[in-house]
Amino acid sequence: VIDSDTAYIRFVLSPDFEAPVDIGVNNVYNFSITAIDVASNSTTQAIAITVNNLNESSSITNPTLSGAATKGLTVTLTVTSNVAGRVMFLVNGKKIANCISRATTGSYPSFTATCIWKPTVHNSQFVTAELTPTDGSFASSRSGSTPVFVNKRTTTR
């Protein structure tokens, strides 16, 4: 869109560096502008607008559980993020041993990471996750806390 008062050019929908939609899929948007005066004289100007990457915020959801948590039995923790990266899962602020650096899977803008957690104690726990993006233009982020009550195991081992 060209503003008729200021001649500023702006996109109808803001482009997203991580998901370019220009013809070359390289974040360079090429077009031409033709101006015609009242005497039907015209001139054309080629224009290229390059969209640059900015440091953006990453985001990560609170962990969800695949079912009820029971001491000594495994349960899957899952988080979703808007960027690829490595996720560390924590319970009560301490790293879950086999879930220190879990790679995300998926594609922009929806990535997931999972962790198989085997609670070692019963009672109330708080599960969180920290995302370190693989793309350095994104800042790290931390999820909110998911309260989990870990049940006592009722079966023998």
Protein backbone atom coordinates (compact mmCIF):
# COMPACT_ATOMS: atom_id res chain seq x y z
CA VAL A 1 0.00 0.00 0.00
CA ILE A 2 1.29 3.47 -0.86
CA ASP A 3 0.09 6.29 1.39
CA SER A 4 -1.18 9.04 -0.97
CA ASP A 5 -0.18 11.85 1.44
CA THR A 6 3.30 10.72 2.49
CA ALA A 7 4.23 8.27 -0.33
CA TYR A 8 5.33 5.78 2.33
CA ILE A 9 5.13 2.18 1.19
CA ARG A 10 3.93 -0.43 3.67
CA PHE A 11 2.98 -4.09 3.48
CA VAL A 12 -0.69 -4.97 3.78
CA LEU A 13 0.39 -7.92 5.97
CA SER A 14 3.72 -7.56 7.77
CA PRO A 15 6.27 -10.02 6.40
CA ASP A 16 7.80 -12.64 8.69
CA PHE A 17 11.54 -13.20 8.18
CA GLU A 18 11.25 -16.87 9.22
CA ALA A 19 8.47 -17.49 6.68
CA PRO A 20 9.23 -15.44 3.55
CA VAL A 21 6.56 -15.33 0.84
CA ASP A 22 8.39 -13.30 -1.79
CA ILE A 23 9.00 -14.88 -5.21
CA GLY A 24 12.64 -15.77 -4.49
CA VAL A 25 11.82 -16.86 -0.90
CA ASN A 26 14.85 -14.77 0.17
CA ASN A 27 13.11 -11.88 1.98
CA VAL A 28 13.67 -9.44 -0.90
CA TYR A 29 10.37 -8.07 -2.19
CA ASN A 30 10.71 -6.59 -5.70
CA PHE A 31 8.12 -4.42 -7.44
CA SER A 32 7.80 -1.41 -9.73
CA ILE A 33 5.95 1.85 -9.32
CA THR A 34 4.74 3.82 -12.32
CA ALA A 35 3.79 7.48 -12.01
CA ILE A 36 1.69 9.20 -14.70
CA ASP A 37 1.09 12.96 -14.80
CA VAL A 38 -1.90 14.80 -16.27
CA ALA A 39 -0.19 15.04 -19.69
CA SER A 40 0.10 11.23 -19.74
CA ASN A 41 3.88 11.32 -19.25
CA SER A 42 5.06 8.40 -17.18
CA THR A 43 8.10 7.06 -15.40
CA THR A 44 8.72 3.73 -13.73
CA GLN A 45 10.90 3.01 -10.71
CA ALA A 46 12.01 -0.49 -9.66
CA ILE A 47 12.01 -0.99 -5.90
CA ALA A 48 13.42 -3.77 -3.72
CA ILE A 49 12.55 -4.03 -0.03
CA THR A 50 14.69 -6.37 2.05
CA VAL A 51 13.20 -7.75 5.24
CA ASN A 52 15.86 -8.26 7.93
CA ASN A 53 15.80 -10.60 10.87
CA LEU A 54 15.30 -9.08 14.32
CA ASN A 55 15.94 -10.46 17.76
CA GLU A 56 12.59 -11.89 18.66
CA SER A 57 11.12 -13.39 21.76
CA SER A 58 10.81 -17.11 21.94
CA SER A 59 7.87 -18.59 23.77
CA ILE A 60 7.25 -21.93 25.40
CA THR A 61 4.05 -23.35 26.86
CA ASN A 62 3.68 -24.78 30.32
CA PRO A 63 4.47 -28.51 30.38
CA THR A 64 1.52 -30.87 29.98
CA LEU A 65 1.40 -34.48 31.17
CA SER A 66 0.25 -37.51 29.19
CA GLY A 67 -1.65 -38.80 32.20
CA ALA A 68 -1.62 -38.91 35.97
CA ALA A 69 1.80 -38.83 37.62
CA THR A 70 2.58 -41.77 39.88
CA LYS A 71 5.76 -42.34 41.88
CA GLY A 72 8.02 -44.84 40.06
CA LEU A 73 5.97 -44.89 36.82
CA THR A 74 6.82 -42.93 33.69
CA VAL A 75 4.75 -40.08 32.33
CA THR A 76 5.45 -37.95 29.23
CA LEU A 77 5.92 -34.20 29.62
CA THR A 78 5.34 -32.07 26.50
CA VAL A 79 5.92 -28.39 25.69
CA THR A 80 5.31 -26.37 22.52
CA SER A 81 7.43 -23.45 21.34
CA ASN A 82 7.45 -20.98 18.47
CA VAL A 83 11.08 -21.69 17.57
CA ALA A 84 13.38 -24.70 17.23
CA GLY A 85 15.79 -25.32 20.07
CA ARG A 86 16.81 -27.43 23.04
CA VAL A 87 14.54 -27.77 26.06
CA MET A 88 15.50 -28.53 29.64
CA PHE A 89 12.75 -29.89 31.88
CA LEU A 90 12.82 -29.21 35.62
CA VAL A 91 10.87 -30.43 38.63
CA ASN A 92 10.84 -28.12 41.66
CA GLY A 93 13.65 -26.15 40.01
CA LYS A 94 15.97 -29.17 39.63
CA LYS A 95 16.92 -30.69 36.26
CA ILE A 96 15.25 -33.95 35.31
CA ALA A 97 18.28 -36.17 34.56
CA ASN A 98 17.27 -37.60 31.17
CA CYS A 99 15.62 -34.34 30.06
CA ILE A 100 18.42 -31.77 30.22
CA SER A 101 18.72 -31.09 26.50
CA ARG A 102 15.73 -32.34 24.53
CA ALA A 103 15.61 -31.25 20.88
CA THR A 104 12.39 -29.81 19.51
CA THR A 105 10.68 -31.32 16.49
CA GLY A 106 8.20 -29.78 14.09
CA SER A 107 8.27 -26.76 11.84
CA TYR A 108 7.68 -23.04 12.12
CA PRO A 109 5.71 -21.80 14.00
CA SER A 110 4.95 -24.91 16.09
CA PHE A 111 7.72 -27.01 17.63
CA THR A 112 7.40 -29.57 20.43
CA ALA A 113 9.74 -31.26 22.88
CA THR A 114 9.00 -34.19 25.14
CA CYS A 115 10.52 -35.76 28.23
CA ILE A 116 9.87 -39.14 29.83
CA TRP A 117 9.71 -38.42 33.56
CA LYS A 118 9.69 -41.04 36.31
CA PRO A 119 8.81 -39.25 39.57
CA THR A 120 10.90 -40.41 42.52
CA VAL A 121 8.75 -38.91 45.27
CA HIS A 122 5.03 -38.49 45.77
CA ASN A 123 3.19 -35.31 46.75
CA SER A 124 3.00 -31.86 45.14
CA GLN A 125 5.61 -31.02 42.48
CA PHE A 126 6.08 -28.13 40.06
CA VAL A 127 7.26 -28.84 36.51
CA THR A 128 8.80 -26.13 34.30
CA ALA A 129 10.82 -26.01 31.07
CA GLU A 130 13.53 -23.75 29.66
CA LEU A 131 14.01 -23.22 25.92
CA THR A 132 17.35 -22.33 24.34
CA PRO A 133 16.68 -21.52 20.66
CA THR A 134 19.08 -22.86 18.01
CA ASP A 135 18.57 -19.62 16.05
CA GLY A 136 20.65 -16.99 17.83
CA SER A 137 18.25 -14.23 16.83
CA PHE A 138 15.76 -15.53 19.41
CA ALA A 139 16.09 -15.01 23.14
CA SER A 140 15.75 -17.93 25.57
CA SER A 141 12.50 -18.35 27.46
CA ARG A 142 11.10 -20.19 30.45
CA SER A 143 7.65 -21.70 30.83
CA GLY A 144 5.32 -21.11 33.69
CA SER A 145 4.96 -23.72 36.40
CA THR A 146 2.66 -26.70 36.02
CA PRO A 147 1.54 -27.99 39.42
CA VAL A 148 1.52 -31.80 39.53
CA PHE A 149 0.39 -34.08 42.32
CA VAL A 150 2.41 -37.29 42.18
CA ASN A 151 0.33 -40.19 43.46
CA LYS A 152 1.65 -43.05 45.60
CA ARG A 153 2.18 -46.25 43.64
CA THR A 154 -0.53 -48.77 44.43
CA THR A 155 1.00 -51.77 42.63
CA THR A 156 4.11 -53.75 43.51
CA ARG A 157 7.27 -53.43 41.48
